[in-house]
Amino acid sequence: MPVTSAIDMIGDDSPSPAAWTIARGTQRLLASLGLACVSELPLASGRRADLVAIGGDGEVWIIEIKSSIADLRADHKWPDYRLHCDRLFFATGSHVPSEIFPRDTGLIIADGFGGILERDAPVHRLHSATRRSMLLTFARAAALRLQAVADPAGRYDGPV
């Protein structure tokens, strides 16, 4: 079966159409800010980050996508992501009230065409060993996903 998207490569736990739209706009914003981005990245803690972005200086951002008020209220795992990034953001659509998001995180408002950085995230620097681990995880996932696009029938070690 040919690979048609990153979601096809990571399994059948795909996001809702609203979350997919928010993710696309957020990725466009991140690219305009000079950040490279990988979606659905497995973390050492066993969690999976919606989006992880890496800056040219090695700064690591994690962006948690929330497509509704209920989506945010049901999520109690997002504080764990702080252990894996320098900055933690939420990304949502304009239909979700921005005041419901924690003030100690950044906030991105996005649609299918782009996004805006509504509120910057405070910086909490990663320990150097954690940064190295995140950069290697990011690089390996990105490379394996490119390989899977070039050779959908290939065999790959670990999740892509």
C-alpha atoms as a PDB file:
ATOM      1  CA  MET A   1       0.000   0.000   0.000  1.00  0.00           C
ATOM      2  CA  PRO A   2       1.577   3.340  -0.994  1.00  0.00           C
ATOM      3  CA  VAL A   3       2.396   5.905   1.681  1.00  0.00           C
ATOM      4  CA  THR A   4       0.427   9.100   1.071  1.00  0.00           C
ATOM      5  CA  SER A   5       1.023  11.093   4.266  1.00  0.00           C
ATOM      6  CA  ALA A   6       2.892  11.119   7.562  1.00  0.00           C
ATOM      7  CA  ILE A   7      -0.254   9.741   9.206  1.00  0.00           C
ATOM      8  CA  ASP A   8      -0.094   6.676   6.934  1.00  0.00           C
ATOM      9  CA  MET A   9       3.449   6.086   8.130  1.00  0.00           C
ATOM     10  CA  ILE A  10       2.700   6.295  11.858  1.00  0.00           C
ATOM     11  CA  GLY A  11      -0.388   4.126  12.095  1.00  0.00           C
ATOM     12  CA  ASP A  12      -4.135   4.364  12.222  1.00  0.00           C
ATOM     13  CA  ASP A  13      -4.470   6.709  15.223  1.00  0.00           C
ATOM     14  CA  SER A  14      -5.055   9.697  12.969  1.00  0.00           C
ATOM     15  CA  PRO A  15      -6.170  13.116  14.217  1.00  0.00           C
ATOM     16  CA  SER A  16      -9.617  14.568  13.565  1.00  0.00           C
ATOM     17  CA  PRO A  17     -10.107  16.703  10.428  1.00  0.00           C
ATOM     18  CA  ALA A  18     -10.137  19.838  12.637  1.00  0.00           C
ATOM     19  CA  ALA A  19      -6.866  18.828  14.314  1.00  0.00           C
ATOM     20  CA  TRP A  20      -5.331  18.036  10.921  1.00  0.00           C
ATOM     21  CA  THR A  21      -6.257  21.522   9.671  1.00  0.00           C
ATOM     22  CA  ILE A  22      -4.802  23.183  12.778  1.00  0.00           C
ATOM     23  CA  ALA A  23      -1.629  21.098  12.412  1.00  0.00           C
ATOM     24  CA  ARG A  24      -1.181  22.132   8.776  1.00  0.00           C
ATOM     25  CA  GLY A  25      -1.554  25.830   9.548  1.00  0.00           C
ATOM     26  CA  THR A  26       0.743  25.511  12.544  1.00  0.00           C
ATOM     27  CA  GLN A  27       3.398  23.767  10.459  1.00  0.00           C
ATOM     28  CA  ARG A  28       3.224  26.584   7.925  1.00  0.00           C
ATOM     29  CA  LEU A  29       3.711  29.130  10.712  1.00  0.00           C
ATOM     30  CA  LEU A  30       6.644  27.174  12.129  1.00  0.00           C
ATOM     31  CA  ALA A  31       8.283  27.004   8.700  1.00  0.00           C
ATOM     32  CA  SER A  32       7.877  30.774   8.302  1.00  0.00           C
ATOM     33  CA  LEU A  33       9.661  31.174  11.653  1.00  0.00           C
ATOM     34  CA  GLY A  34      12.582  29.051  10.407  1.00  0.00           C
ATOM     35  CA  LEU A  35      11.696  25.910  12.361  1.00  0.00           C
ATOM     36  CA  ALA A  36      11.681  22.355  10.983  1.00  0.00           C
ATOM     37  CA  CYS A  37       8.766  20.236  12.152  1.00  0.00           C
ATOM     38  CA  VAL A  38       7.890  16.562  12.621  1.00  0.00           C
ATOM     39  CA  SER A  39       4.396  15.397  13.542  1.00  0.00           C
ATOM     40  CA  GLU A  40       3.418  12.622  15.948  1.00  0.00           C
ATOM     41  CA  LEU A  41       6.920  12.167  17.375  1.00  0.00           C
ATOM     42  CA  PRO A  42       7.333   9.408  19.997  1.00  0.00           C
ATOM     43  CA  LEU A  43       9.074  10.675  23.142  1.00  0.00           C
ATOM     44  CA  ALA A  44      11.319   8.824  25.593  1.00  0.00           C
ATOM     45  CA  SER A  45       8.544   9.047  28.201  1.00  0.00           C
ATOM     46  CA  GLY A  46       6.272   6.902  26.031  1.00  0.00           C
ATOM     47  CA  ARG A  47       4.102   9.878  25.087  1.00  0.00           C
ATOM     48  CA  ARG A  48       3.723  11.094  21.516  1.00  0.00           C
ATOM     49  CA  ALA A  49       3.946  14.811  20.760  1.00  0.00           C
ATOM     50  CA  ASP A  50       1.573  16.224  18.132  1.00  0.00           C
ATOM     51  CA  LEU A  51       4.268  18.475  16.657  1.00  0.00           C
ATOM     52  CA  VAL A  52       7.946  18.893  17.516  1.00  0.00           C
ATOM     53  CA  ALA A  53       9.842  21.770  15.955  1.00  0.00           C
ATOM     54  CA  ILE A  54      13.580  22.377  15.928  1.00  0.00           C
ATOM     55  CA  GLY A  55      15.189  25.775  15.378  1.00  0.00           C
ATOM     56  CA  GLY A  56      18.524  26.372  13.684  1.00  0.00           C
ATOM     57  CA  ASP A  57      20.063  26.882  17.124  1.00  0.00           C
ATOM     58  CA  GLY A  58      18.785  23.496  18.358  1.00  0.00           C
ATOM     59  CA  GLU A  59      15.923  24.918  20.411  1.00  0.00           C
ATOM     60  CA  VAL A  60      13.127  22.344  20.772  1.00  0.00           C
ATOM     61  CA  TRP A  61       9.445  23.301  20.739  1.00  0.00           C
ATOM     62  CA  ILE A  62       6.550  20.965  21.382  1.00  0.00           C
ATOM     63  CA  ILE A  63       3.130  21.981  20.118  1.00  0.00           C
ATOM     64  CA  GLU A  64       0.055  20.219  21.484  1.00  0.00           C
ATOM     65  CA  ILE A  65      -2.964  20.562  19.179  1.00  0.00           C
ATOM     66  CA  LYS A  66      -6.385  21.083  20.726  1.00  0.00           C
ATOM     67  CA  SER A  67      -9.352  21.309  18.375  1.00  0.00           C
ATOM     68  CA  SER A  68     -12.051  21.920  20.996  1.00  0.00           C
ATOM     69  CA  ILE A  69     -12.723  22.820  24.612  1.00  0.00           C
ATOM     70  CA  ALA A  70     -13.521  19.157  25.333  1.00  0.00           C
ATOM     71  CA  ASP A  71     -10.204  18.109  23.783  1.00  0.00           C
ATOM     72  CA  LEU A  72      -8.297  20.346  26.215  1.00  0.00           C
ATOM     73  CA  ARG A  73     -10.378  19.346  29.235  1.00  0.00           C
ATOM     74  CA  ALA A  74      -9.856  15.637  28.530  1.00  0.00           C
ATOM     75  CA  ASP A  75      -6.070  15.969  28.307  1.00  0.00           C
ATOM     76  CA  HIS A  76      -4.119  15.631  31.531  1.00  0.00           C
ATOM     77  CA  LYS A  77      -0.821  14.524  29.987  1.00  0.00           C
ATOM     78  CA  TRP A  78       0.351  17.792  28.426  1.00  0.00           C
ATOM     79  CA  PRO A  79       2.471  18.923  31.430  1.00  0.00           C
ATOM     80  CA  ASP A  80       4.716  15.890  30.795  1.00  0.00           C
ATOM     81  CA  TYR A  81       5.821  17.417  27.493  1.00  0.00           C
ATOM     82  CA  ARG A  82       7.795  20.116  29.341  1.00  0.00           C
ATOM     83  CA  LEU A  83      10.450  17.480  30.083  1.00  0.00           C
ATOM     84  CA  HIS A  84      11.158  17.177  26.351  1.00  0.00           C
ATOM     85  CA  CYS A  85      11.261  20.772  25.091  1.00  0.00           C
ATOM     86  CA  ASP A  86      12.586  24.285  25.619  1.00  0.00           C
ATOM     87  CA  ARG A  87       9.167  25.793  24.897  1.00  0.00           C
ATOM     88  CA  LEU A  88       5.672  24.318  25.123  1.00  0.00           C
ATOM     89  CA  PHE A  89       2.799  25.615  22.991  1.00  0.00           C
ATOM     90  CA  PHE A  90      -0.818  24.812  22.348  1.00  0.00           C
ATOM     91  CA  ALA A  91      -2.225  25.245  18.857  1.00  0.00           C
ATOM     92  CA  THR A  92      -5.935  25.653  18.275  1.00  0.00           C
ATOM     93  CA  GLY A  93      -8.471  27.130  15.896  1.00  0.00           C
ATOM     94  CA  SER A  94     -10.133  30.525  16.177  1.00  0.00           C
ATOM     95  CA  HIS A  95     -13.369  28.801  17.230  1.00  0.00           C
ATOM     96  CA  VAL A  96     -11.802  27.755  20.571  1.00  0.00           C
ATOM     97  CA  PRO A  97     -11.581  30.499  23.235  1.00  0.00           C
ATOM     98  CA  SER A  98      -7.935  31.363  23.861  1.00  0.00           C
ATOM     99  CA  GLU A  99      -8.514  32.158  27.540  1.00  0.00           C
ATOM    100  CA  ILE A 100      -8.990  28.458  28.393  1.00  0.00           C
ATOM    101  CA  PHE A 101      -5.339  27.641  27.689  1.00  0.00           C
ATOM    102  CA  PRO A 102      -2.769  27.707  30.501  1.00  0.00           C
ATOM    103  CA  ARG A 103      -0.991  31.077  30.728  1.00  0.00           C
ATOM    104  CA  ASP A 104       2.388  29.411  31.285  1.00  0.00           C
ATOM    105  CA  THR A 105       2.358  27.969  27.754  1.00  0.00           C
ATOM    106  CA  GLY A 106       2.546  29.553  24.335  1.00  0.00           C
ATOM    107  CA  LEU A 107      -0.495  29.742  22.088  1.00  0.00           C
ATOM    108  CA  ILE A 108      -0.838  29.454  18.328  1.00  0.00           C
ATOM    109  CA  ILE A 109      -4.101  30.140  16.483  1.00  0.00           C
ATOM    110  CA  ALA A 110      -4.171  28.334  13.149  1.00  0.00           C
ATOM    111  CA  ASP A 111      -6.360  27.335  10.237  1.00  0.00           C
ATOM    112  CA  GLY A 112      -5.601  25.338   7.106  1.00  0.00           C
ATOM    113  CA  PHE A 113      -3.655  28.187   5.526  1.00  0.00           C
ATOM    114  CA  GLY A 114      -1.374  29.402   8.316  1.00  0.00           C
ATOM    115  CA  GLY A 115      -1.219  30.551  11.884  1.00  0.00           C
ATOM    116  CA  ILE A 116      -0.283  33.341  14.240  1.00  0.00           C
ATOM    117  CA  LEU A 117       1.771  33.250  17.389  1.00  0.00           C
ATOM    118  CA  GLU A 118      -0.845  34.593  19.790  1.00  0.00           C
ATOM    119  CA  ARG A 119       1.326  34.196  22.906  1.00  0.00           C
ATOM    120  CA  ASP A 120       4.986  33.242  23.136  1.00  0.00           C
ATOM    121  CA  ALA A 121       5.976  30.370  25.412  1.00  0.00           C
ATOM    122  CA  PRO A 122       8.292  30.816  28.364  1.00  0.00           C
ATOM    123  CA  VAL A 123      11.720  29.252  27.933  1.00  0.00           C
ATOM    124  CA  HIS A 124      12.784  26.390  30.190  1.00  0.00           C
ATOM    125  CA  ARG A 125      16.081  25.083  28.817  1.00  0.00           C
ATOM    126  CA  LEU A 126      16.539  21.376  28.326  1.00  0.00           C
ATOM    127  CA  HIS A 127      19.398  19.519  29.972  1.00  0.00           C
ATOM    128  CA  SER A 128      22.074  18.840  27.333  1.00  0.00           C
ATOM    129  CA  ALA A 129      21.579  15.050  27.406  1.00  0.00           C
ATOM    130  CA  THR A 130      17.825  15.464  26.875  1.00  0.00           C
ATOM    131  CA  ARG A 131      18.433  17.923  24.028  1.00  0.00           C
ATOM    132  CA  ARG A 132      20.780  15.450  22.348  1.00  0.00           C
ATOM    133  CA  SER A 133      18.227  12.659  22.728  1.00  0.00           C
ATOM    134  CA  MET A 134      15.439  14.830  21.281  1.00  0.00           C
ATOM    135  CA  LEU A 135      17.568  15.949  18.332  1.00  0.00           C
ATOM    136  CA  LEU A 136      18.508  12.343  17.526  1.00  0.00           C
ATOM    137  CA  THR A 137      14.890  11.166  17.849  1.00  0.00           C
ATOM    138  CA  PHE A 138      13.748  14.016  15.592  1.00  0.00           C
ATOM    139  CA  ALA A 139      16.449  13.365  12.983  1.00  0.00           C
ATOM    140  CA  ARG A 140      15.848   9.622  12.918  1.00  0.00           C
ATOM    141  CA  ALA A 141      12.066  10.008  12.577  1.00  0.00           C
ATOM    142  CA  ALA A 142      12.441  12.561   9.783  1.00  0.00           C
ATOM    143  CA  ALA A 143      14.929  10.381   7.893  1.00  0.00           C
ATOM    144  CA  LEU A 144      12.828   7.220   8.262  1.00  0.00           C
ATOM    145  CA  ARG A 145       9.732   9.050   7.040  1.00  0.00           C
ATOM    146  CA  LEU A 146      11.584  10.280   3.959  1.00  0.00           C
ATOM    147  CA  GLN A 147      12.790   6.727   3.320  1.00  0.00           C
ATOM    148  CA  ALA A 148       9.226   5.435   3.660  1.00  0.00           C
ATOM    149  CA  VAL A 149       8.019   7.917   1.056  1.00  0.00           C
ATOM    150  CA  ALA A 150      10.815   6.911  -1.333  1.00  0.00           C
ATOM    151  CA  ASP A 151      10.360   3.189  -0.662  1.00  0.00           C
ATOM    152  CA  PRO A 152       6.901   2.410   0.783  1.00  0.00           C
ATOM    153  CA  ALA A 153       7.550  -1.347   0.649  1.00  0.00           C
ATOM    154  CA  GLY A 154      10.841  -1.069   2.547  1.00  0.00           C
ATOM    155  CA  ARG A 155      11.476  -2.377   6.045  1.00  0.00           C
ATOM    156  CA  TYR A 156      12.170   0.142   8.781  1.00  0.00           C
ATOM    157  CA  ASP A 157      13.496  -0.264  12.299  1.00  0.00           C
ATOM    158  CA  GLY A 158      11.049   1.292  14.752  1.00  0.00           C
ATOM    159  CA  PRO A 159       8.127   3.654  14.354  1.00  0.00           C
ATOM    160  CA  VAL A 160       8.187   6.145  11.540  1.00  0.00           C
END
